[in-house]
Amino acid sequence: MYGPKITSIRLARGYNQSYVSDKLGISQKEYSKIERNEKTKLDDKLLTKIAEVLGVSTDDIKSPTPIVMNFHNSPYSGQINTQNNNITQEVIAQLTNQLHIKDKRIEQLMHENHELNLQLQKVNVK
């Protein structure tokens, strides 16, 4: 009954069926039946959970008219997409490593500077 609307909202969010079914705690196969309208009885509790995962209200799903969605929890916002988070973690690890290398080089240069200053002091004293 609401399958096509749920499908279009899911696709607009950039979610795949596995992601939504995992969030709902049901199998992907069972979720697919919801989208294909093969599950004729969709209880209010499950419909409410679907709406929460998709970031819309149950009224939005039930309404025959199109809805306007905000994308604050879309994977394209960077808040949910785990692939982007993995890339971000990888980039953070690389930057952290670069900072560690630079810190070591700064330490080395400071030590060399200190040694040069000591040598200059010895030359100036003589």
Protein backbone atom coordinates (compact mmCIF):
# COMPACT_ATOMS: atom_id res chain seq x y z
CA MET A 1 0.00 0.00 0.00
CA TYR A 2 2.78 2.45 0.96
CA GLY A 3 5.60 0.55 -0.77
CA PRO A 4 6.25 2.91 -3.68
CA LYS A 5 6.27 5.94 -1.38
CA ILE A 6 8.67 4.22 1.04
CA THR A 7 10.89 3.18 -1.88
CA SER A 8 11.05 6.69 -3.32
CA ILE A 9 11.90 8.20 0.08
CA ARG A 10 14.57 5.56 0.69
CA LEU A 11 16.12 6.20 -2.72
CA ALA A 12 15.99 9.96 -2.20
CA ARG A 13 17.90 9.47 1.03
CA GLY A 14 20.48 7.35 -0.76
CA TYR A 15 19.85 4.33 1.47
CA ASN A 16 19.88 0.77 0.26
CA GLN A 17 17.39 -1.84 1.46
CA SER A 18 19.99 -3.54 3.64
CA TYR A 19 20.71 -0.33 5.54
CA VAL A 20 17.03 0.30 6.27
CA SER A 21 16.28 -3.33 7.16
CA ASP A 22 19.26 -3.39 9.56
CA LYS A 23 17.98 -0.23 11.27
CA LEU A 24 14.53 -1.80 11.53
CA GLY A 25 15.86 -5.10 12.85
CA ILE A 26 14.26 -7.15 10.08
CA SER A 27 15.65 -9.11 7.16
CA GLN A 28 16.29 -7.41 3.85
CA LYS A 29 13.91 -9.92 2.26
CA GLU A 30 11.12 -8.92 4.66
CA TYR A 31 11.80 -5.24 4.05
CA SER A 32 11.75 -5.80 0.29
CA LYS A 33 8.25 -7.27 0.63
CA ILE A 34 7.14 -4.02 2.30
CA GLU A 35 8.39 -1.96 -0.63
CA ARG A 36 6.77 -4.31 -3.15
CA ASN A 37 3.47 -4.20 -1.23
CA GLU A 38 3.65 -7.95 -0.68
CA LYS A 39 3.28 -7.41 3.04
CA THR A 40 -0.36 -6.40 3.05
CA LYS A 41 -0.61 -5.69 6.79
CA LEU A 42 1.87 -3.00 7.83
CA ASP A 43 1.28 -2.25 11.51
CA ASP A 44 1.59 1.29 12.88
CA LYS A 45 4.61 0.40 15.03
CA LEU A 46 6.64 -0.80 12.03
CA LEU A 47 5.43 2.10 9.89
CA THR A 48 6.56 4.51 12.63
CA LYS A 49 10.01 2.85 12.73
CA ILE A 50 10.31 3.07 8.94
CA ALA A 51 9.38 6.75 9.05
CA GLU A 52 12.00 7.40 11.75
CA VAL A 53 14.73 5.64 9.78
CA LEU A 54 13.80 7.55 6.63
CA GLY A 55 13.54 10.87 8.50
CA VAL A 56 9.91 11.58 7.66
CA SER A 57 6.58 11.34 9.48
CA THR A 58 4.10 8.51 9.11
CA ASP A 59 1.69 11.08 7.67
CA ASP A 60 4.28 11.79 4.95
CA ILE A 61 4.30 8.10 4.03
CA LYS A 62 0.52 7.75 4.19
CA SER A 63 -0.19 10.93 2.23
CA PRO A 64 -0.96 10.51 -1.47
CA THR A 65 0.82 13.79 -2.21
CA PRO A 66 4.58 14.20 -2.67
CA ILE A 67 6.55 15.38 0.34
CA VAL A 68 9.34 17.87 0.80
CA MET A 69 12.22 16.27 2.67
CA ASN A 70 15.09 17.86 4.49
CA PHE A 71 18.32 15.96 4.14
CA HIS A 72 19.86 16.56 7.57
CA ASN A 73 20.26 12.81 8.10
CA SER A 74 20.96 11.86 4.50
CA PRO A 75 24.13 9.93 3.76
CA TYR A 76 25.06 12.87 1.56
CA SER A 77 25.23 15.10 4.63
CA GLY A 78 28.18 13.05 5.90
CA GLN A 79 26.45 12.11 9.13
CA ILE A 80 25.37 8.58 8.33
CA ASN A 81 27.28 7.18 5.40
CA THR A 82 29.75 4.74 6.89
CA GLN A 83 31.87 4.70 3.75
CA ASN A 84 32.48 8.43 4.11
CA ASN A 85 33.24 7.95 7.79
CA ASN A 86 35.80 5.28 6.93
CA ILE A 87 37.43 7.60 4.42
CA THR A 88 37.42 10.36 7.02
CA GLN A 89 39.03 8.06 9.58
CA GLU A 90 41.67 7.08 7.03
CA VAL A 91 42.39 10.72 6.22
CA ILE A 92 42.59 11.56 9.93
CA ALA A 93 45.04 8.70 10.46
CA GLN A 94 47.21 9.93 7.58
CA LEU A 95 47.17 13.51 8.85
CA THR A 96 47.97 12.37 12.38
CA ASN A 97 50.93 10.41 11.04
CA GLN A 98 52.13 13.43 9.06
CA LEU A 99 51.89 15.60 12.18
CA HIS A 100 53.87 13.02 14.15
CA ILE A 101 56.61 13.04 11.48
CA LYS A 102 56.67 16.85 11.47
CA ASP A 103 56.83 16.96 15.29
CA LYS A 104 59.83 14.63 15.22
CA ARG A 105 61.50 16.80 12.57
CA ILE A 106 60.86 19.95 14.63
CA GLU A 107 62.39 18.23 17.67
CA GLN A 108 65.41 17.28 15.58
CA LEU A 109 65.81 20.82 14.22
CA MET A 110 65.47 22.33 17.69
CA HIS A 111 68.18 19.98 18.94
CA GLU A 112 70.43 20.92 16.01
CA ASN A 113 69.74 24.62 16.66
CA HIS A 114 70.62 24.18 20.31
CA GLU A 115 73.88 22.44 19.37
CA LEU A 116 74.75 25.23 16.92
CA ASN A 117 74.04 27.86 19.60
CA LEU A 118 76.37 26.04 21.99
CA GLN A 119 79.10 25.96 19.33
CA LEU A 120 78.59 29.69 18.66
CA GLN A 121 78.86 30.47 22.35
CA LYS A 122 82.15 28.54 22.52
CA VAL A 123 83.50 30.46 19.51
CA ASN A 124 82.42 33.81 20.99
CA VAL A 125 84.00 33.00 24.35
CA LYS A 126 87.42 32.26 22.79
